[in-house]
């Protein structure tokens, strides 16, 4: 039985408590840049909201309390809630800000920091062999992408800094990408020299500032590895401060290395494991009782999204990468065997109607349509249609793969961060193409609207903690994820009762609403619901904290 993600945490150190504002402060005239008056503050710790004022100078919060004095900007937050900027612990925005630095679908929800390189895929670095070819294929068709002159994680992070992202970004090094650099798409274990080369890439990437090591053992080429290989690479991460984002073997790796483990997009994927959400939570609670430092993250949708080949093709058929697969399916007997595997995967998700194409650059007319509909148009069975589409080009699909009951149950766990598993988008320009999963535009807003406002199964304070303080703890960020003196001024002003996600599966390029103002590193990046155009985001490296 595969549960595709597990969840729990040791972060039970911040029980809800009543907060008391500091005494009155007179900070003098003209000494600060921003005062937020009459704030209903939820500070990110999980504690109860309280009324106060907030002062900011430069990129730091300098005071909390009743503040008398003048500032360059004074905001009256009466009737609104002030929180830390949200931290998206699991995203795939690795290339978004290279394409368009104003990729602001997350900013409009209150997200001020994104962690990239998840699921074993840090596809922008490091780059050698098939890893470089994979990035070149992905960038094909985007005229705004800068020339890729880097091969290392350091070079990639420098390129991101040159672009000047809308929000803060941080990276991880992906196991699958490291494997592609050394082994390509070979379905075998590395020899001693190859494993040493993979470890060197890990060291170089972590030393350059990557915050952790991610695996995606459901996806190729990660699925071709054995536990000992992943343990060896995880040990490199465990020997440095940071996070390892893992998948099926994460708990065992945590036991054997002592690495901090974050279980990605916790869910029960596929009809055979629907209803197992409670089993997942109990499993991770047991691991926590063992003393493992384990937590998880979740997006609040009952559909997932991934590459067409990863969703439909059997693992054995993916060996060698796209060119090898294309050559393999020319043989009629092998093609029939691959089709049988595709039929099996279709059955896991209630039929071909469960697979909707979100991107298909070779023929955008297929975008927004499901596999069953396309198969009827072509006049073949769905598995054959999948092969013919693959022969035309690469694509990504949205899958009707989860039970809403499991999603709702996992959403109530106080140890699961809210994370999109999406990427920063924009409703105009090159990032407005395709039919992406709406999580890229609506995750944080949906969680508040669905579980705080509508179902009332999560308190607003707990929701904010799981978007701010909890992910900051997982990343060991010392000065983010909380509103407190000395912390970085990543700040959100929102009207919780008005927060809602507008992006849908049939109309995904729609911004969320209800977040009025956002400061990124003390810079007013969203004002009255509209981006200011200021690119205040920074690349956060491990050496920064």
Protein backbone atom coordinates (compact mmCIF):
# COMPACT_ATOMS: atom_id res chain seq x y z
CA UNK A 1 0.00 0.00 0.00
CA UNK A 2 1.36 3.41 -0.95
CA UNK A 3 0.09 6.47 0.89
CA UNK A 4 2.11 9.03 -1.10
CA UNK A 5 3.17 11.28 1.72
CA UNK A 6 3.06 11.13 5.49
CA UNK A 7 2.63 13.77 8.13
CA UNK A 8 3.46 14.78 11.70
CA UNK A 9 5.75 17.07 13.59
CA UNK A 10 7.66 17.70 16.76
CA UNK A 11 6.61 21.34 16.69
CA UNK A 12 4.23 21.29 19.62
CA UNK A 13 6.22 23.87 21.52
CA UNK A 14 3.85 26.81 20.89
CA UNK A 15 0.52 26.08 22.59
CA UNK A 16 -2.19 28.66 22.08
CA UNK A 17 -1.95 31.33 24.72
CA UNK A 18 -3.33 34.80 25.31
CA UNK A 19 -0.92 37.51 24.18
CA UNK A 20 -0.54 40.77 26.03
CA UNK A 21 0.69 43.80 24.16
CA UNK A 22 3.72 45.67 25.46
CA UNK A 23 3.27 48.98 27.23
CA UNK A 24 3.02 52.30 25.39
CA UNK A 25 6.06 53.30 23.36
CA UNK A 26 7.18 56.78 22.33
CA UNK A 27 9.71 56.25 19.59
CA UNK A 28 9.98 59.87 18.56
CA UNK A 29 9.13 61.71 15.40
CA UNK A 30 10.58 60.82 12.05
CA UNK A 31 12.67 57.90 13.28
CA UNK A 32 10.91 55.05 11.46
CA UNK A 33 9.61 54.18 8.02
CA UNK A 34 6.27 52.54 8.80
CA UNK A 35 3.72 52.39 11.59
CA UNK A 36 0.75 50.03 11.33
CA UNK A 37 -1.88 51.36 13.74
CA UNK A 38 -4.80 49.54 15.33
CA UNK A 39 -3.65 46.11 14.20
CA UNK A 40 -5.42 42.92 15.22
CA UNK A 41 -2.16 40.98 15.38
CA UNK A 42 -1.76 37.23 14.88
CA UNK A 43 1.97 36.94 15.40
CA UNK A 44 2.67 33.49 13.90
CA UNK A 45 3.40 31.62 17.12
CA UNK A 46 -0.05 30.04 17.37
CA UNK A 47 -1.05 32.37 20.20
CA UNK A 48 -4.32 34.27 20.31
CA UNK A 49 -4.80 37.53 18.44
CA UNK A 50 -4.41 40.85 20.26
CA UNK A 51 -4.63 44.56 19.44
CA UNK A 52 -1.45 46.58 19.02
CA UNK A 53 0.61 48.86 16.79
CA UNK A 54 3.70 47.82 14.81
CA UNK A 55 6.74 49.88 13.82
CA UNK A 56 9.17 49.08 10.99
CA UNK A 57 12.51 50.63 10.14
CA UNK A 58 14.27 49.48 7.01
CA UNK A 59 13.71 45.74 6.66
CA UNK A 60 13.15 45.10 10.40
CA UNK A 61 10.26 45.24 12.83
CA UNK A 62 11.45 47.57 15.58
CA UNK A 63 8.57 47.80 18.05
CA UNK A 64 5.19 46.37 19.01
CA UNK A 65 2.83 48.18 21.39
CA UNK A 66 0.88 51.43 21.54
CA UNK A 67 3.20 53.60 19.47
CA UNK A 68 3.25 57.40 19.49
CA UNK A 69 5.30 59.08 16.83
CA UNK A 70 5.45 59.87 13.14
CA UNK A 71 6.61 57.75 10.23
CA UNK A 72 7.10 58.06 6.51
CA UNK A 73 4.06 55.80 6.08
CA UNK A 74 1.25 55.25 8.55
CA UNK A 75 -1.35 52.54 7.87
CA UNK A 76 -4.61 52.33 9.81
CA UNK A 77 -5.40 48.59 10.04
CA UNK A 78 -8.70 49.01 11.89
CA UNK A 79 -10.97 46.06 11.11
CA UNK A 80 -8.17 44.01 9.52
CA UNK A 81 -5.78 41.32 10.75
CA UNK A 82 -1.99 41.65 10.58
CA UNK A 83 0.16 38.53 10.27
CA UNK A 84 3.68 37.55 9.23
CA UNK A 85 4.19 36.94 5.52
CA UNK A 86 3.21 33.42 4.52
CA UNK A 87 5.94 30.87 3.76
CA UNK A 88 5.20 28.38 0.97
CA UNK A 89 7.26 25.41 2.10
CA UNK A 90 6.64 23.35 -1.02
CA UNK A 91 6.61 24.96 -4.45
CA UNK A 92 8.02 24.52 -7.94
CA UNK A 93 8.76 28.14 -8.83
CA UNK A 94 12.36 27.26 -9.77
CA UNK A 95 12.01 28.88 -13.19
CA UNK A 96 9.14 31.32 -12.61
CA UNK A 97 11.22 34.35 -11.69
CA UNK A 98 13.70 33.68 -14.49
CA UNK A 99 10.77 33.98 -16.91
CA UNK A 100 9.03 36.93 -15.23
CA UNK A 101 10.29 38.48 -11.97
CA UNK A 102 6.79 39.86 -11.38
CA UNK A 103 5.29 36.39 -10.98
CA UNK A 104 2.86 37.51 -8.29
CA UNK A 105 0.11 34.88 -7.91
CA UNK A 106 1.61 34.08 -4.49
CA UNK A 107 2.21 37.70 -3.46
CA UNK A 108 -1.50 38.48 -3.85
CA UNK A 109 -2.25 35.70 -1.32
CA UNK A 110 0.25 37.03 1.21
CA UNK A 111 3.14 34.67 0.41
CA UNK A 112 6.51 36.34 0.99
CA UNK A 113 8.84 33.32 0.76
CA UNK A 114 8.86 30.25 -1.48
CA UNK A 115 10.98 27.11 -1.02
CA UNK A 116 11.83 25.54 -4.38
CA UNK A 117 13.56 22.36 -5.54
CA UNK A 118 10.97 19.96 -4.13
CA UNK A 119 10.07 16.37 -5.10
CA UNK A 120 13.69 15.59 -5.94
CA UNK A 121 13.54 18.11 -8.80
CA UNK A 122 15.88 21.10 -8.56
CA UNK A 123 15.80 21.25 -12.33
CA UNK A 124 17.72 24.55 -12.58
CA UNK A 125 20.81 23.25 -10.73
CA UNK A 126 23.16 21.46 -10.69
CA UNK A 127 23.40 20.96 -14.43
CA UNK A 128 25.25 18.25 -16.35
CA UNK A 129 24.24 15.51 -18.76
CA UNK A 130 20.52 14.77 -18.89
CA UNK A 131 19.84 17.34 -16.16
CA UNK A 132 21.01 20.09 -18.51
CA UNK A 133 19.01 18.62 -21.40
CA UNK A 134 15.91 18.49 -19.19
CA UNK A 135 16.23 22.20 -18.37
CA UNK A 136 16.83 23.11 -22.02
CA UNK A 137 13.64 21.25 -23.00
CA UNK A 138 11.66 23.04 -20.30
CA UNK A 139 12.95 26.49 -21.30
CA UNK A 140 12.25 25.95 -24.98
CA UNK A 141 9.49 28.35 -25.99
CA UNK A 142 10.09 30.96 -23.27
CA UNK A 143 11.70 33.96 -24.97
CA UNK A 144 12.21 35.84 -21.70
CA UNK A 145 14.46 33.27 -20.01
CA UNK A 146 18.09 34.42 -19.60
CA UNK A 147 20.88 32.43 -21.19
CA UNK A 148 21.80 29.52 -18.93
CA UNK A 149 25.47 30.17 -18.30
CA UNK A 150 25.61 28.38 -14.96
CA UNK A 151 26.12 24.72 -14.08
CA UNK A 152 26.19 24.95 -10.27
CA UNK A 153 23.70 25.81 -7.54
CA UNK A 154 25.72 28.93 -6.77
CA UNK A 155 25.44 30.09 -10.38
CA UNK A 156 21.69 29.46 -10.39
CA UNK A 157 21.14 31.40 -7.17
CA UNK A 158 23.22 34.25 -8.59
CA UNK A 159 20.99 34.28 -11.69
CA UNK A 160 17.90 34.45 -9.47
CA UNK A 161 19.37 37.37 -7.56
CA UNK A 162 20.04 39.19 -10.84
CA UNK A 163 16.38 38.78 -11.82
CA UNK A 164 15.15 40.31 -8.57
CA UNK A 165 12.11 38.19 -7.62
CA UNK A 166 8.81 39.57 -6.37
CA UNK A 167 9.06 37.55 -3.15
CA UNK A 168 11.85 35.85 -1.22
CA UNK A 169 13.00 32.52 -2.64
CA UNK A 170 15.10 29.67 -1.30
CA UNK A 171 16.25 26.46 -2.95
CA UNK A 172 16.88 22.81 -2.20
CA UNK A 173 19.02 20.35 -4.14
CA UNK A 174 16.98 17.51 -5.64
CA UNK A 175 17.98 13.85 -5.45
CA UNK A 176 16.52 13.13 -8.89
CA UNK A 177 18.43 16.03 -10.44
CA UNK A 178 21.69 14.96 -8.80
CA UNK A 179 21.08 11.43 -10.09
CA UNK A 180 20.44 12.75 -13.62
CA UNK A 181 23.76 14.62 -13.49
CA UNK A 182 25.67 11.42 -12.79
CA UNK A 183 23.54 8.46 -13.94
CA UNK A 184 21.16 10.02 -16.41
CA UNK A 185 17.96 7.97 -16.41
CA UNK A 186 19.64 4.61 -15.81
CA UNK A 187 17.58 2.22 -13.67
CA UNK A 188 20.46 1.01 -11.53
CA UNK A 189 22.42 1.80 -8.41
CA UNK A 190 25.55 3.97 -8.61
CA UNK A 191 28.97 2.41 -8.22
CA UNK A 192 31.40 3.74 -5.62
CA UNK A 193 32.81 6.47 -7.85
CA UNK A 194 29.35 7.55 -9.05
CA UNK A 195 28.00 7.78 -5.52
CA UNK A 196 31.02 9.87 -4.57
CA UNK A 197 30.29 12.18 -7.50
CA UNK A 198 26.68 12.54 -6.33
CA UNK A 199 27.86 13.34 -2.81
CA UNK A 200 30.20 16.03 -4.19
CA UNK A 201 27.29 17.66 -6.01
CA UNK A 202 25.31 17.58 -2.78
CA UNK A 203 28.16 19.21 -0.83
CA UNK A 204 28.66 21.89 -3.49
CA UNK A 205 24.96 22.71 -3.61
CA UNK A 206 24.50 22.85 0.15
CA UNK A 207 27.66 24.93 0.55
CA UNK A 208 26.29 27.33 -2.11
CA UNK A 209 23.25 27.96 0.06
CA UNK A 210 20.65 25.29 -0.68
CA UNK A 211 18.53 24.86 2.45
CA UNK A 212 18.12 21.11 2.18
CA UNK A 213 17.86 17.94 0.13
CA UNK A 214 14.62 16.81 -1.48
CA UNK A 215 13.61 13.42 -2.80
CA UNK A 216 10.72 12.29 -4.95
CA UNK A 217 10.91 8.53 -4.79
CA UNK A 218 7.61 8.16 -6.65
CA UNK A 219 9.11 9.85 -9.72
CA UNK A 220 11.82 8.69 -12.09
CA UNK A 221 14.79 8.67 -11.75
CA UNK A 222 14.38 8.79 -7.96
CA UNK A 223 12.29 5.62 -8.07
CA UNK A 224 15.31 3.73 -9.45
CA UNK A 225 17.29 4.26 -6.24
CA UNK A 226 17.55 2.02 -3.19
CA UNK A 227 17.36 3.24 0.39
CA UNK A 228 21.11 3.01 1.00
CA UNK A 229 21.79 5.47 -1.83
CA UNK A 230 19.32 8.00 -0.43
CA UNK A 231 20.65 7.50 3.10
CA UNK A 232 24.20 8.27 1.92
CA UNK A 233 23.09 11.52 0.32
CA UNK A 234 20.78 12.40 3.19
CA UNK A 235 23.71 12.00 5.56
CA UNK A 236 25.42 14.85 3.71
CA UNK A 237 22.39 17.01 4.50
CA UNK A 238 22.19 15.71 8.06
CA UNK A 239 25.77 16.82 8.67
CA UNK A 240 24.70 20.41 7.94
CA UNK A 241 21.85 22.48 9.38
CA UNK A 242 18.84 22.18 7.12
CA UNK A 243 15.85 20.25 5.93
CA UNK A 244 15.37 17.07 3.98
CA UNK A 245 12.12 16.81 2.09
CA UNK A 246 11.48 13.12 1.45
CA UNK A 247 8.73 10.78 0.29
CA UNK A 248 8.07 7.07 0.86
CA UNK A 249 11.31 6.15 2.63
CA UNK A 250 11.58 9.36 4.64
CA UNK A 251 10.89 7.95 8.07
CA UNK A 252 13.50 5.21 7.74
CA UNK A 253 16.01 7.73 6.44
CA UNK A 254 15.23 9.96 9.41
CA UNK A 255 15.86 7.07 11.79
CA UNK A 256 19.16 6.15 10.19
CA UNK A 257 20.62 9.64 9.74
CA UNK A 258 18.94 11.90 12.30
CA UNK A 259 18.06 14.36 9.52
CA UNK A 260 15.06 16.62 9.98
CA UNK A 261 12.32 15.24 7.71
CA UNK A 262 9.51 17.12 5.97
CA UNK A 263 6.91 14.90 4.28
CA UNK A 264 5.72 16.58 1.11
CA UNK A 265 2.13 17.11 -0.06
CA UNK A 266 0.70 14.70 2.49
CA UNK A 267 -2.15 12.82 0.82
CA UNK A 268 -3.69 9.45 0.01
CA UNK A 269 -3.37 9.33 -3.76
CA UNK A 270 -5.40 6.83 -5.77
CA UNK A 271 -8.70 5.05 -5.11
CA UNK A 272 -7.09 1.98 -3.42
CA UNK A 273 -5.88 4.11 -0.47
CA UNK A 274 -8.79 6.54 -0.11
CA UNK A 275 -9.97 6.75 3.47
CA UNK A 276 -6.48 6.18 4.89
CA UNK A 277 -5.90 9.76 6.06
CA UNK A 278 -6.25 8.70 9.68
CA UNK A 279 -3.72 5.92 9.14
CA UNK A 280 -1.26 8.45 7.74
CA UNK A 281 -1.64 10.74 10.74
CA UNK A 282 -1.33 7.86 13.21
CA UNK A 283 1.78 6.56 11.45
CA UNK A 284 3.57 9.87 11.75
CA UNK A 285 2.42 10.46 15.31
CA UNK A 286 4.06 7.13 16.15
CA UNK A 287 7.27 8.29 14.48
CA UNK A 288 7.19 11.50 16.50
CA UNK A 289 6.83 9.50 19.69
CA UNK A 290 10.02 7.69 18.70
CA UNK A 291 11.72 11.07 18.74
CA UNK A 292 11.97 11.62 14.98
CA UNK A 293 11.89 15.26 13.91
CA UNK A 294 9.12 14.87 11.32
CA UNK A 295 6.45 17.18 9.94
CA UNK A 296 4.52 17.57 6.69
CA UNK A 297 2.79 19.95 4.32
CA UNK A 298 -0.43 19.86 2.30
CA UNK A 299 -2.32 21.71 -0.41
CA UNK A 300 -6.11 21.91 0.21
CA UNK A 301 -7.37 20.42 -3.07
CA UNK A 302 -8.70 16.99 -4.05
CA UNK A 303 -6.79 16.98 -7.35
CA UNK A 304 -3.06 16.69 -7.87
CA UNK A 305 -0.81 17.57 -10.80
CA UNK A 306 2.34 16.12 -12.33
CA UNK A 307 4.09 15.34 -15.61
CA UNK A 308 2.12 13.25 -18.10
CA UNK A 309 4.85 10.58 -18.29
CA UNK A 310 5.11 10.32 -14.51
CA UNK A 311 1.35 10.04 -14.07
CA UNK A 312 0.59 7.57 -16.84
CA UNK A 313 3.64 5.52 -17.79
CA UNK A 314 4.91 2.54 -15.77
CA UNK A 315 8.24 3.19 -14.05
CA UNK A 316 10.19 0.59 -16.03
CA UNK A 317 9.15 2.23 -19.29
CA UNK A 318 10.64 5.60 -18.29
CA UNK A 319 14.22 4.34 -18.02
CA UNK A 320 16.62 6.38 -20.15
CA UNK A 321 14.39 9.43 -20.43
CA UNK A 322 12.20 10.71 -23.22
CA UNK A 323 14.36 9.71 -26.21
CA UNK A 324 14.74 6.17 -24.90
CA UNK A 325 11.00 5.87 -24.29
CA UNK A 326 10.22 7.07 -27.82
CA UNK A 327 12.57 4.48 -29.24
CA UNK A 328 11.19 1.75 -26.95
CA UNK A 329 7.54 2.21 -27.98
CA UNK A 330 8.37 1.79 -31.66
CA UNK A 331 8.45 -1.97 -30.98
CA UNK A 332 4.89 -3.30 -31.16
CA UNK A 333 5.29 -5.84 -28.35
CA UNK A 334 6.87 -3.29 -26.00
CA UNK A 335 4.25 -0.73 -26.96
CA UNK A 336 1.51 -3.18 -25.96
CA UNK A 337 3.24 -3.79 -22.62
CA UNK A 338 3.52 -0.04 -21.98
CA UNK A 339 -0.15 0.37 -22.85
CA UNK A 340 -1.03 -2.28 -20.31
CA UNK A 341 0.83 -0.29 -17.65
CA UNK A 342 -0.95 2.89 -18.70
CA UNK A 343 -4.31 1.13 -18.46
CA UNK A 344 -3.43 0.09 -14.91
CA UNK A 345 -2.55 3.66 -13.92
CA UNK A 346 -5.74 4.97 -15.51
CA UNK A 347 -7.67 2.50 -13.38
CA UNK A 348 -6.08 3.87 -10.21
CA UNK A 349 -7.75 7.22 -10.85
CA UNK A 350 -11.26 6.25 -11.97
CA UNK A 351 -10.72 6.37 -15.70
CA UNK A 352 -9.29 8.61 -18.45
CA UNK A 353 -11.60 11.49 -17.46
CA UNK A 354 -9.44 11.93 -14.34
CA UNK A 355 -6.48 13.16 -16.46
CA UNK A 356 -6.85 16.76 -17.66
CA UNK A 357 -3.98 18.31 -19.61
CA UNK A 358 -2.82 21.53 -17.99
CA UNK A 359 0.05 22.17 -20.39
CA UNK A 360 0.80 20.70 -23.81
CA UNK A 361 2.96 23.08 -25.80
CA UNK A 362 3.04 20.97 -28.96
CA UNK A 363 -0.71 21.47 -29.33
CA UNK A 364 -2.30 23.97 -26.90
CA UNK A 365 -5.73 22.90 -28.18
CA UNK A 366 -5.40 19.86 -25.90
CA UNK A 367 -4.96 22.03 -22.80
CA UNK A 368 -7.96 21.97 -20.50
CA UNK A 369 -9.24 18.70 -22.01
CA UNK A 370 -9.18 15.23 -20.41
CA UNK A 371 -7.60 12.12 -21.87
CA UNK A 372 -10.92 10.37 -22.51
CA UNK A 373 -12.19 13.26 -24.62
CA UNK A 374 -8.96 13.44 -26.60
CA UNK A 375 -9.01 9.66 -27.18
CA UNK A 376 -12.51 9.91 -28.67
CA UNK A 377 -11.34 12.70 -31.01
CA UNK A 378 -8.33 10.67 -32.15
CA UNK A 379 -10.42 7.53 -32.46
CA UNK A 380 -8.27 5.24 -30.29
CA UNK A 381 -8.29 3.76 -26.79
CA UNK A 382 -7.10 6.09 -24.00
CA UNK A 383 -3.81 4.25 -23.47
CA UNK A 384 -2.97 4.52 -27.16
CA UNK A 385 -3.98 8.18 -27.09
CA UNK A 386 -1.53 8.75 -24.23
CA UNK A 387 1.28 7.23 -26.30
CA UNK A 388 0.43 9.32 -29.36
CA UNK A 389 0.33 12.48 -27.28
CA UNK A 390 3.71 11.59 -25.79
CA UNK A 391 5.09 11.10 -29.30
CA UNK A 392 3.90 14.62 -30.09
CA UNK A 393 5.50 16.27 -27.06
CA UNK A 394 5.67 16.55 -23.29
CA UNK A 395 2.78 17.67 -21.12
CA UNK A 396 1.51 18.03 -17.59
CA UNK A 397 -1.78 16.74 -16.23
CA UNK A 398 -4.13 17.55 -13.37
CA UNK A 399 -5.40 14.36 -11.70
CA UNK A 400 -8.70 13.73 -9.91
CA UNK A 401 -6.79 11.55 -7.48
CA UNK A 402 -7.72 12.36 -3.87
CA UNK A 403 -10.66 11.88 -1.52
CA UNK A 404 -12.09 15.13 -0.15
CA UNK A 405 -12.63 13.42 3.23
CA UNK A 406 -8.90 12.64 3.49
CA UNK A 407 -8.00 16.18 2.46
CA UNK A 408 -10.31 17.62 5.11
CA UNK A 409 -8.97 15.34 7.85
CA UNK A 410 -5.31 16.03 7.10
CA UNK A 411 -6.09 19.76 6.99
CA UNK A 412 -7.03 19.69 10.68
CA UNK A 413 -3.62 18.44 11.83
CA UNK A 414 -1.74 21.23 13.65
CA UNK A 415 1.58 19.84 12.41
CA UNK A 416 0.91 20.12 8.69
CA UNK A 417 2.09 23.33 7.01
CA UNK A 418 0.00 24.87 4.23
CA UNK A 419 1.97 24.65 0.96
CA UNK A 420 0.97 24.94 -2.68
CA UNK A 421 3.07 22.38 -4.61
CA UNK A 422 2.52 24.95 -7.39
CA UNK A 423 4.54 27.74 -8.87
CA UNK A 424 4.28 31.51 -9.09
CA UNK A 425 2.18 32.57 -12.06
CA UNK A 426 0.76 35.76 -13.58
CA UNK A 427 -2.45 36.54 -15.43
CA UNK A 428 -0.53 38.29 -18.21
CA UNK A 429 2.64 37.57 -20.13
CA UNK A 430 4.43 34.23 -20.58
CA UNK A 431 3.31 32.82 -17.20
CA UNK A 432 -0.36 33.16 -18.14
CA UNK A 433 -0.26 30.24 -20.58
CA UNK A 434 -1.90 26.85 -20.10
CA UNK A 435 -4.39 25.53 -17.55
CA UNK A 436 -2.34 25.18 -14.36
CA UNK A 437 -3.64 23.64 -11.16
CA UNK A 438 -5.44 26.46 -9.28
CA UNK A 439 -3.24 25.85 -6.23
CA UNK A 440 -0.68 28.21 -7.78
CA UNK A 441 -3.16 31.06 -7.38
CA UNK A 442 -5.30 30.02 -4.44
CA UNK A 443 -3.74 27.67 -1.85
CA UNK A 444 -3.43 30.02 1.12
CA UNK A 445 -6.66 31.84 0.43
CA UNK A 446 -8.52 28.57 -0.06
CA UNK A 447 -7.26 27.17 3.24
CA UNK A 448 -8.51 30.22 5.14
CA UNK A 449 -11.82 30.40 3.29
CA UNK A 450 -12.51 26.66 3.41
CA UNK A 451 -11.32 25.59 6.85
CA UNK A 452 -11.43 28.80 8.91
CA UNK A 453 -14.42 30.65 7.44
CA UNK A 454 -16.69 27.92 6.03
CA UNK A 455 -16.06 24.61 7.83
CA UNK A 456 -14.63 26.19 11.01
CA UNK A 457 -12.41 23.17 11.65
CA UNK A 458 -9.26 25.29 12.04
CA UNK A 459 -8.82 28.51 14.02
CA UNK A 460 -7.39 31.53 12.24
CA UNK A 461 -4.47 31.60 14.67
CA UNK A 462 -3.64 27.98 13.91
CA UNK A 463 -3.99 28.53 10.16
CA UNK A 464 -1.62 31.50 10.30
CA UNK A 465 0.88 29.51 12.40
CA UNK A 466 0.89 26.75 9.80
CA UNK A 467 1.62 29.31 7.07
CA UNK A 468 4.27 31.24 9.02
CA UNK A 469 5.79 30.08 12.30
CA UNK A 470 5.66 26.34 11.60
CA UNK A 471 7.34 26.43 8.15
CA UNK A 472 9.90 28.93 9.50
CA UNK A 473 10.73 26.43 12.25
CA UNK A 474 11.06 23.62 9.72
CA UNK A 475 13.56 25.70 7.74
CA UNK A 476 15.30 26.94 10.88
CA UNK A 477 14.70 30.55 9.81
CA UNK A 478 15.68 32.68 12.80
CA UNK A 479 14.14 36.02 11.79
CA UNK A 480 11.11 35.15 9.69
CA UNK A 481 7.68 33.65 10.30
CA UNK A 482 6.79 35.88 13.26
CA UNK A 483 5.86 39.47 14.03
CA UNK A 484 8.28 40.48 16.78
CA UNK A 485 10.97 43.14 17.30
CA UNK A 486 14.13 42.25 15.41
CA UNK A 487 12.32 40.06 12.87
CA UNK A 488 12.38 40.75 9.13
CA UNK A 489 9.41 42.89 8.06
CA UNK A 490 7.56 40.36 5.91
CA UNK A 491 4.05 41.51 6.83
CA UNK A 492 0.48 40.88 5.63
CA UNK A 493 -2.68 42.91 6.23
CA UNK A 494 -5.83 40.98 5.34
CA UNK A 495 -9.56 40.83 5.98
CA UNK A 496 -10.04 37.13 6.84
CA UNK A 497 -13.79 37.16 6.25
CA UNK A 498 -13.18 38.45 2.71
CA UNK A 499 -10.32 36.10 1.84
CA UNK A 500 -11.25 33.72 -0.96
CA UNK A 501 -9.65 31.82 -3.81
CA UNK A 502 -11.04 32.58 -7.26
CA UNK A 503 -8.94 30.21 -9.36
CA UNK A 504 -10.78 27.08 -10.51
CA UNK A 505 -9.85 24.02 -12.54
CA UNK A 506 -11.73 25.41 -15.53
CA UNK A 507 -10.56 29.03 -15.07
CA UNK A 508 -7.26 28.84 -13.16
CA UNK A 509 -5.65 32.20 -13.95
CA UNK A 510 -7.58 34.15 -11.31
CA UNK A 511 -6.01 35.98 -8.39
CA UNK A 512 -7.18 35.47 -4.82
CA UNK A 513 -8.70 38.36 -2.89
CA UNK A 514 -8.95 39.58 0.69
CA UNK A 515 -5.24 40.35 1.19
CA UNK A 516 -4.86 44.13 1.04
CA UNK A 517 -1.22 44.91 1.80
CA UNK A 518 2.05 42.96 1.83
CA UNK A 519 5.53 44.10 2.78
CA UNK A 520 8.51 42.04 1.60
CA UNK A 521 11.70 42.82 3.52
CA UNK A 522 10.12 46.08 4.64
CA UNK A 523 9.15 47.16 1.12
CA UNK A 524 5.49 47.76 0.30
CA UNK A 525 5.05 45.13 -2.43
CA UNK A 526 1.22 44.90 -2.48
CA UNK A 527 -0.80 48.05 -1.74
CA UNK A 528 -4.57 48.06 -1.54
CA UNK A 529 -4.64 44.70 -3.32
CA UNK A 530 -2.44 45.80 -6.22
CA UNK A 531 1.26 45.00 -6.74
CA UNK A 532 3.48 48.07 -6.52
CA UNK A 533 5.95 46.61 -9.01
CA UNK A 534 8.79 46.74 -6.50
CA UNK A 535 11.02 43.67 -6.68
CA UNK A 536 11.97 43.42 -3.03
CA UNK A 537 12.47 39.65 -2.79
CA UNK A 538 15.81 38.15 -1.85
CA UNK A 539 17.46 34.80 -2.44
CA UNK A 540 17.71 33.23 1.00
CA UNK A 541 20.79 31.06 1.42
CA UNK A 542 21.76 28.86 4.35
CA UNK A 543 24.61 31.22 5.22
CA UNK A 544 22.07 34.01 5.79
CA UNK A 545 20.90 32.59 9.12
